[in-house]
Amino acid sequence: MADYSEQKKICAKYAADFVVAPEHLVLGMSLSVKEGMMPINGLRHRPEGETTGWFVYAGQEASTADDFYEPLHVSHVDDWSPLIRKYLGLAPGWRFLVTDDGYEDVWFDKTLLDV
């Protein structure tokens, strides 16, 4: 059974609802995350089908290319970056930006719910 205590702490810190991102579902992850590029950006749309609603990329801007995001099961997130998991409990509409030197920004973006 997954431990969601860190995710729940992040949600409490930012007064965000906790919405689980189950280990067997997928998120969209850019290869730039696996390559170690910074900062790491995450945004969550509403979950749909077998997806969590999360899209995560590294760098300043996301690409619009069809193959920019790779489907990745939540269970493999730590293999790509250990910085991400604790934010995956944030509800749809939330975003995060983190760096490997400890910078963290988390905010609600209502436009993510209007997709």
N, C-alpha and C. Protein backbone atom coordinates (compact mmCIF):
# COMPACT_ATOMS: atom_id res chain seq x y z
N MET A 1 0.84 -1.19 0.00
CA MET A 1 0.00 0.00 0.00
C MET A 1 0.88 1.25 0.00
N ALA A 2 0.56 2.19 -0.84
CA ALA A 2 1.35 3.41 -0.98
C ALA A 2 1.19 4.30 0.26
N ASP A 3 2.25 5.04 0.57
CA ASP A 3 2.23 5.98 1.69
C ASP A 3 2.02 7.38 1.11
N TYR A 4 0.91 7.98 1.45
CA TYR A 4 0.57 9.30 0.91
C TYR A 4 0.81 10.42 1.92
N SER A 5 1.54 10.16 3.00
CA SER A 5 1.71 11.16 4.06
C SER A 5 2.41 12.43 3.56
N GLU A 6 3.44 12.29 2.73
CA GLU A 6 4.14 13.47 2.21
C GLU A 6 3.22 14.28 1.29
N GLN A 7 2.42 13.59 0.48
CA GLN A 7 1.49 14.28 -0.41
C GLN A 7 0.43 15.03 0.40
N LYS A 8 -0.05 14.41 1.45
CA LYS A 8 -1.05 15.06 2.29
C LYS A 8 -0.47 16.28 3.01
N LYS A 9 0.81 16.24 3.38
CA LYS A 9 1.48 17.39 3.99
C LYS A 9 1.55 18.56 3.01
N ILE A 10 1.90 18.28 1.76
CA ILE A 10 1.96 19.34 0.75
C ILE A 10 0.57 19.94 0.56
N CYS A 11 -0.45 19.11 0.48
CA CYS A 11 -1.82 19.61 0.30
C CYS A 11 -2.22 20.49 1.48
N ALA A 12 -1.90 20.07 2.69
CA ALA A 12 -2.23 20.86 3.88
C ALA A 12 -1.47 22.19 3.88
N LYS A 13 -0.20 22.15 3.49
CA LYS A 13 0.63 23.36 3.45
C LYS A 13 0.03 24.43 2.54
N TYR A 14 -0.57 24.01 1.43
CA TYR A 14 -1.11 24.96 0.45
C TYR A 14 -2.64 25.00 0.45
N ALA A 15 -3.27 24.39 1.44
CA ALA A 15 -4.74 24.37 1.57
C ALA A 15 -5.39 23.83 0.29
N ALA A 16 -4.80 22.78 -0.24
CA ALA A 16 -5.32 22.12 -1.46
C ALA A 16 -6.00 20.83 -1.08
N ASP A 17 -7.02 20.47 -1.82
CA ASP A 17 -7.65 19.16 -1.62
C ASP A 17 -6.66 18.08 -2.02
N PHE A 18 -6.72 16.95 -1.31
CA PHE A 18 -5.90 15.78 -1.66
C PHE A 18 -6.71 14.88 -2.59
N VAL A 19 -6.14 14.58 -3.75
CA VAL A 19 -6.75 13.65 -4.70
C VAL A 19 -5.66 12.67 -5.11
N VAL A 20 -5.85 11.44 -4.72
CA VAL A 20 -4.82 10.43 -4.95
C VAL A 20 -4.52 10.25 -6.45
N ALA A 21 -3.25 10.00 -6.74
CA ALA A 21 -2.80 9.62 -8.08
C ALA A 21 -2.34 8.17 -7.95
N PRO A 22 -3.24 7.22 -8.18
CA PRO A 22 -2.92 5.80 -7.95
C PRO A 22 -1.69 5.33 -8.73
N GLU A 23 -0.94 4.45 -8.10
CA GLU A 23 0.30 3.92 -8.66
C GLU A 23 0.13 3.27 -10.03
N HIS A 24 -1.02 2.68 -10.30
CA HIS A 24 -1.22 1.95 -11.56
C HIS A 24 -1.69 2.85 -12.71
N LEU A 25 -2.00 4.10 -12.42
CA LEU A 25 -2.41 5.02 -13.48
C LEU A 25 -1.20 5.74 -14.06
N VAL A 26 -1.39 6.44 -15.16
CA VAL A 26 -0.28 7.10 -15.84
C VAL A 26 -0.38 8.62 -15.76
N LEU A 27 0.76 9.22 -15.95
CA LEU A 27 0.85 10.67 -16.11
C LEU A 27 1.69 10.93 -17.34
N GLY A 28 1.64 12.15 -17.85
CA GLY A 28 2.46 12.53 -18.98
C GLY A 28 3.76 13.12 -18.46
N MET A 29 4.89 12.55 -18.88
CA MET A 29 6.20 13.00 -18.37
C MET A 29 7.13 13.26 -19.55
N SER A 30 7.76 14.43 -19.55
CA SER A 30 8.70 14.73 -20.64
C SER A 30 10.05 14.09 -20.35
N LEU A 31 10.74 13.71 -21.40
CA LEU A 31 12.07 13.11 -21.25
C LEU A 31 13.05 14.08 -20.60
N SER A 32 12.79 15.38 -20.70
CA SER A 32 13.67 16.37 -20.09
C SER A 32 13.75 16.20 -18.57
N VAL A 33 12.71 15.64 -17.96
CA VAL A 33 12.75 15.37 -16.52
C VAL A 33 13.77 14.28 -16.23
N LYS A 34 13.72 13.20 -16.99
CA LYS A 34 14.65 12.09 -16.80
C LYS A 34 16.09 12.53 -17.06
N GLU A 35 16.26 13.49 -17.96
CA GLU A 35 17.60 13.99 -18.29
C GLU A 35 18.15 14.94 -17.23
N GLY A 36 17.32 15.32 -16.24
CA GLY A 36 17.78 16.14 -15.14
C GLY A 36 17.67 17.64 -15.35
N MET A 37 16.99 18.07 -16.39
CA MET A 37 16.81 19.49 -16.65
C MET A 37 15.99 20.12 -15.51
N MET A 38 16.23 21.38 -15.24
CA MET A 38 15.51 22.13 -14.20
C MET A 38 14.96 23.41 -14.80
N PRO A 39 13.94 23.99 -14.23
CA PRO A 39 13.12 23.50 -13.13
C PRO A 39 12.16 22.42 -13.62
N ILE A 40 11.55 21.73 -12.67
CA ILE A 40 10.51 20.74 -12.98
C ILE A 40 9.16 21.41 -12.74
N ASN A 41 8.31 21.32 -13.75
CA ASN A 41 6.96 21.90 -13.71
C ASN A 41 5.93 20.79 -13.78
N GLY A 42 4.91 20.89 -12.96
CA GLY A 42 3.82 19.93 -13.01
C GLY A 42 2.49 20.66 -13.02
N LEU A 43 1.54 20.13 -13.76
CA LEU A 43 0.20 20.70 -13.79
C LEU A 43 -0.80 19.57 -13.89
N ARG A 44 -1.93 19.75 -13.19
CA ARG A 44 -2.91 18.67 -13.17
C ARG A 44 -4.26 19.09 -13.72
N HIS A 45 -4.64 18.40 -14.79
CA HIS A 45 -5.99 18.52 -15.34
C HIS A 45 -6.86 17.50 -14.60
N ARG A 46 -8.11 17.43 -14.97
CA ARG A 46 -8.99 16.42 -14.37
C ARG A 46 -8.56 15.03 -14.85
N PRO A 47 -8.54 14.04 -13.93
CA PRO A 47 -8.22 12.67 -14.35
C PRO A 47 -9.24 12.17 -15.38
N GLU A 48 -8.75 11.37 -16.29
CA GLU A 48 -9.63 10.83 -17.34
C GLU A 48 -9.14 9.45 -17.73
N GLY A 49 -10.02 8.47 -17.74
CA GLY A 49 -9.64 7.12 -18.12
C GLY A 49 -8.55 6.56 -17.22
N GLU A 50 -7.45 6.16 -17.82
CA GLU A 50 -6.33 5.57 -17.08
C GLU A 50 -5.27 6.59 -16.71
N THR A 51 -5.61 7.88 -16.76
CA THR A 51 -4.63 8.91 -16.45
C THR A 51 -4.95 9.60 -15.13
N THR A 52 -3.92 10.17 -14.53
CA THR A 52 -4.06 10.93 -13.28
C THR A 52 -4.43 12.38 -13.54
N GLY A 53 -4.23 12.84 -14.78
CA GLY A 53 -4.42 14.24 -15.11
C GLY A 53 -3.12 15.03 -15.04
N TRP A 54 -2.06 14.43 -14.52
CA TRP A 54 -0.78 15.12 -14.36
C TRP A 54 0.03 15.14 -15.66
N PHE A 55 0.64 16.30 -15.91
CA PHE A 55 1.63 16.47 -16.96
C PHE A 55 2.83 17.14 -16.31
N VAL A 56 4.00 16.55 -16.49
CA VAL A 56 5.22 17.04 -15.84
C VAL A 56 6.30 17.21 -16.89
N TYR A 57 6.96 18.38 -16.86
CA TYR A 57 8.04 18.64 -17.80
C TYR A 57 9.13 19.43 -17.10
N ALA A 58 10.29 19.46 -17.69
CA ALA A 58 11.42 20.21 -17.14
C ALA A 58 11.83 21.29 -18.13
N GLY A 59 12.34 22.37 -17.60
CA GLY A 59 12.75 23.50 -18.42
C GLY A 59 11.76 24.64 -18.28
N GLN A 60 11.92 25.65 -19.11
CA GLN A 60 11.11 26.85 -19.00
C GLN A 60 9.72 26.73 -19.60
N GLU A 61 9.59 25.97 -20.68
CA GLU A 61 8.29 25.86 -21.35
C GLU A 61 8.04 24.44 -21.84
N ALA A 62 6.77 24.06 -21.84
CA ALA A 62 6.39 22.76 -22.39
C ALA A 62 6.31 22.88 -23.91
N SER A 63 6.64 21.82 -24.57
CA SER A 63 6.54 21.78 -26.03
C SER A 63 5.11 21.42 -26.42
N THR A 64 4.72 21.81 -27.61
CA THR A 64 3.41 21.43 -28.14
C THR A 64 3.50 20.21 -29.06
N ALA A 65 4.69 19.64 -29.18
CA ALA A 65 4.89 18.46 -30.03
C ALA A 65 4.08 17.29 -29.49
N ASP A 66 3.50 16.51 -30.39
CA ASP A 66 2.67 15.37 -30.01
C ASP A 66 3.42 14.34 -29.17
N ASP A 67 4.72 14.22 -29.36
CA ASP A 67 5.50 13.22 -28.63
C ASP A 67 6.30 13.79 -27.47
N PHE A 68 5.96 14.99 -27.00
CA PHE A 68 6.69 15.63 -25.91
C PHE A 68 6.54 14.86 -24.60
N TYR A 69 5.33 14.38 -24.33
CA TYR A 69 5.07 13.65 -23.09
C TYR A 69 5.05 12.14 -23.34
N GLU A 70 5.73 11.42 -22.46
CA GLU A 70 5.72 9.96 -22.46
C GLU A 70 4.72 9.51 -21.40
N PRO A 71 3.91 8.48 -21.68
CA PRO A 71 3.05 7.95 -20.61
C PRO A 71 3.93 7.18 -19.61
N LEU A 72 3.77 7.50 -18.35
CA LEU A 72 4.58 6.87 -17.30
C LEU A 72 3.67 6.51 -16.14
N HIS A 73 3.73 5.27 -15.69
CA HIS A 73 2.96 4.88 -14.52
C HIS A 73 3.50 5.62 -13.29
N VAL A 74 2.61 6.02 -12.42
CA VAL A 74 3.00 6.73 -11.19
C VAL A 74 4.02 5.91 -10.41
N SER A 75 3.92 4.60 -10.46
CA SER A 75 4.86 3.74 -9.73
C SER A 75 6.31 3.91 -10.18
N HIS A 76 6.54 4.51 -11.35
CA HIS A 76 7.91 4.70 -11.86
C HIS A 76 8.40 6.14 -11.76
N VAL A 77 7.64 7.02 -11.15
CA VAL A 77 8.02 8.44 -11.07
C VAL A 77 9.37 8.63 -10.40
N ASP A 78 9.64 7.92 -9.33
CA ASP A 78 10.90 8.11 -8.61
C ASP A 78 12.12 7.73 -9.44
N ASP A 79 11.93 6.84 -10.43
CA ASP A 79 13.03 6.47 -11.32
C ASP A 79 13.43 7.65 -12.21
N TRP A 80 12.49 8.54 -12.46
CA TRP A 80 12.75 9.69 -13.32
C TRP A 80 13.19 10.90 -12.52
N SER A 81 12.56 11.13 -11.37
CA SER A 81 12.95 12.22 -10.47
C SER A 81 12.29 12.03 -9.11
N PRO A 82 13.08 12.00 -8.05
CA PRO A 82 12.51 11.87 -6.71
C PRO A 82 11.87 13.16 -6.19
N LEU A 83 11.95 14.24 -6.94
CA LEU A 83 11.39 15.52 -6.51
C LEU A 83 9.88 15.62 -6.73
N ILE A 84 9.31 14.75 -7.52
CA ILE A 84 7.95 14.92 -8.01
C ILE A 84 6.87 14.29 -7.13
N ARG A 85 7.10 13.11 -6.62
CA ARG A 85 6.06 12.31 -5.97
C ARG A 85 5.26 13.08 -4.93
N LYS A 86 5.90 13.86 -4.10
CA LYS A 86 5.18 14.50 -2.99
C LYS A 86 4.12 15.51 -3.45
N TYR A 87 4.15 15.91 -4.72
CA TYR A 87 3.16 16.87 -5.24
C TYR A 87 1.98 16.18 -5.94
N LEU A 88 2.05 14.90 -6.14
CA LEU A 88 1.05 14.21 -6.96
C LEU A 88 -0.32 14.07 -6.29
N GLY A 89 -0.45 14.42 -5.03
CA GLY A 89 -1.74 14.40 -4.36
C GLY A 89 -2.52 15.70 -4.52
N LEU A 90 -1.89 16.73 -5.09
CA LEU A 90 -2.59 17.99 -5.33
C LEU A 90 -3.75 17.75 -6.29
N ALA A 91 -4.87 18.36 -6.00
CA ALA A 91 -6.09 18.17 -6.79
C ALA A 91 -5.94 18.77 -8.19
N PRO A 92 -6.82 18.37 -9.10
CA PRO A 92 -6.85 19.01 -10.42
C PRO A 92 -6.96 20.53 -10.28
N GLY A 93 -6.23 21.22 -11.16
CA GLY A 93 -6.20 22.67 -11.12
C GLY A 93 -4.95 23.22 -10.43
N TRP A 94 -4.17 22.35 -9.83
CA TRP A 94 -2.96 22.80 -9.13
C TRP A 94 -1.73 22.58 -9.99
N ARG A 95 -0.73 23.43 -9.73
CA ARG A 95 0.55 23.40 -10.43
C ARG A 95 1.67 23.43 -9.41
N PHE A 96 2.84 22.96 -9.82
CA PHE A 96 4.03 23.12 -8.99
C PHE A 96 5.24 23.39 -9.88
N LEU A 97 6.23 24.04 -9.28
CA LEU A 97 7.53 24.28 -9.92
C LEU A 97 8.57 24.06 -8.84
N VAL A 98 9.51 23.15 -9.09
CA VAL A 98 10.55 22.84 -8.11
C VAL A 98 11.91 22.74 -8.79
N THR A 99 12.95 22.92 -7.97
CA THR A 99 14.31 22.74 -8.46
C THR A 99 15.05 21.83 -7.49
N ASP A 100 16.20 21.34 -7.94
CA ASP A 100 16.99 20.44 -7.09
C ASP A 100 17.75 21.17 -5.99
N ASP A 101 17.66 22.50 -5.95
CA ASP A 101 18.30 23.24 -4.85
C ASP A 101 17.30 23.68 -3.79
N GLY A 102 16.07 23.11 -3.82
CA GLY A 102 15.10 23.35 -2.77
C GLY A 102 14.02 24.38 -3.07
N TYR A 103 14.07 25.03 -4.23
CA TYR A 103 13.02 26.00 -4.57
C TYR A 103 11.70 25.26 -4.80
N GLU A 104 10.61 25.85 -4.28
CA GLU A 104 9.29 25.24 -4.43
C GLU A 104 8.25 26.35 -4.58
N ASP A 105 7.41 26.21 -5.59
CA ASP A 105 6.28 27.11 -5.78
C ASP A 105 5.09 26.24 -6.15
N VAL A 106 3.97 26.44 -5.46
CA VAL A 106 2.76 25.66 -5.69
C VAL A 106 1.60 26.64 -5.74
N TRP A 107 0.75 26.53 -6.77
CA TRP A 107 -0.37 27.45 -6.89
C TRP A 107 -1.52 26.82 -7.66
N PHE A 108 -2.70 27.41 -7.46
CA PHE A 108 -3.91 26.96 -8.13
C PHE A 108 -4.09 27.74 -9.42
N ASP A 109 -4.43 27.04 -10.49
CA ASP A 109 -4.64 27.65 -11.80
C ASP A 109 -5.97 27.14 -12.36
N LYS A 110 -7.03 27.92 -12.16
CA LYS A 110 -8.37 27.51 -12.55
C LYS A 110 -8.48 27.13 -14.03
N THR A 111 -7.65 27.72 -14.88
CA THR A 111 -7.73 27.42 -16.31
C THR A 111 -7.45 25.96 -16.62
N LEU A 112 -6.75 25.25 -15.74
CA LEU A 112 -6.48 23.84 -15.97
C LEU A 112 -7.74 22.99 -15.89
N LEU A 113 -8.77 23.51 -15.27
CA LEU A 113 -10.03 22.78 -15.15
C LEU A 113 -10.95 22.98 -16.34
N ASP A 114 -10.60 23.93 -17.20
CA ASP A 114 -11.45 24.30 -18.34
C ASP A 114 -11.01 23.67 -19.65
N VAL A 115 -10.24 22.61 -19.58
CA VAL A 115 -9.73 21.98 -20.80
C VAL A 115 -10.74 20.99 -21.35
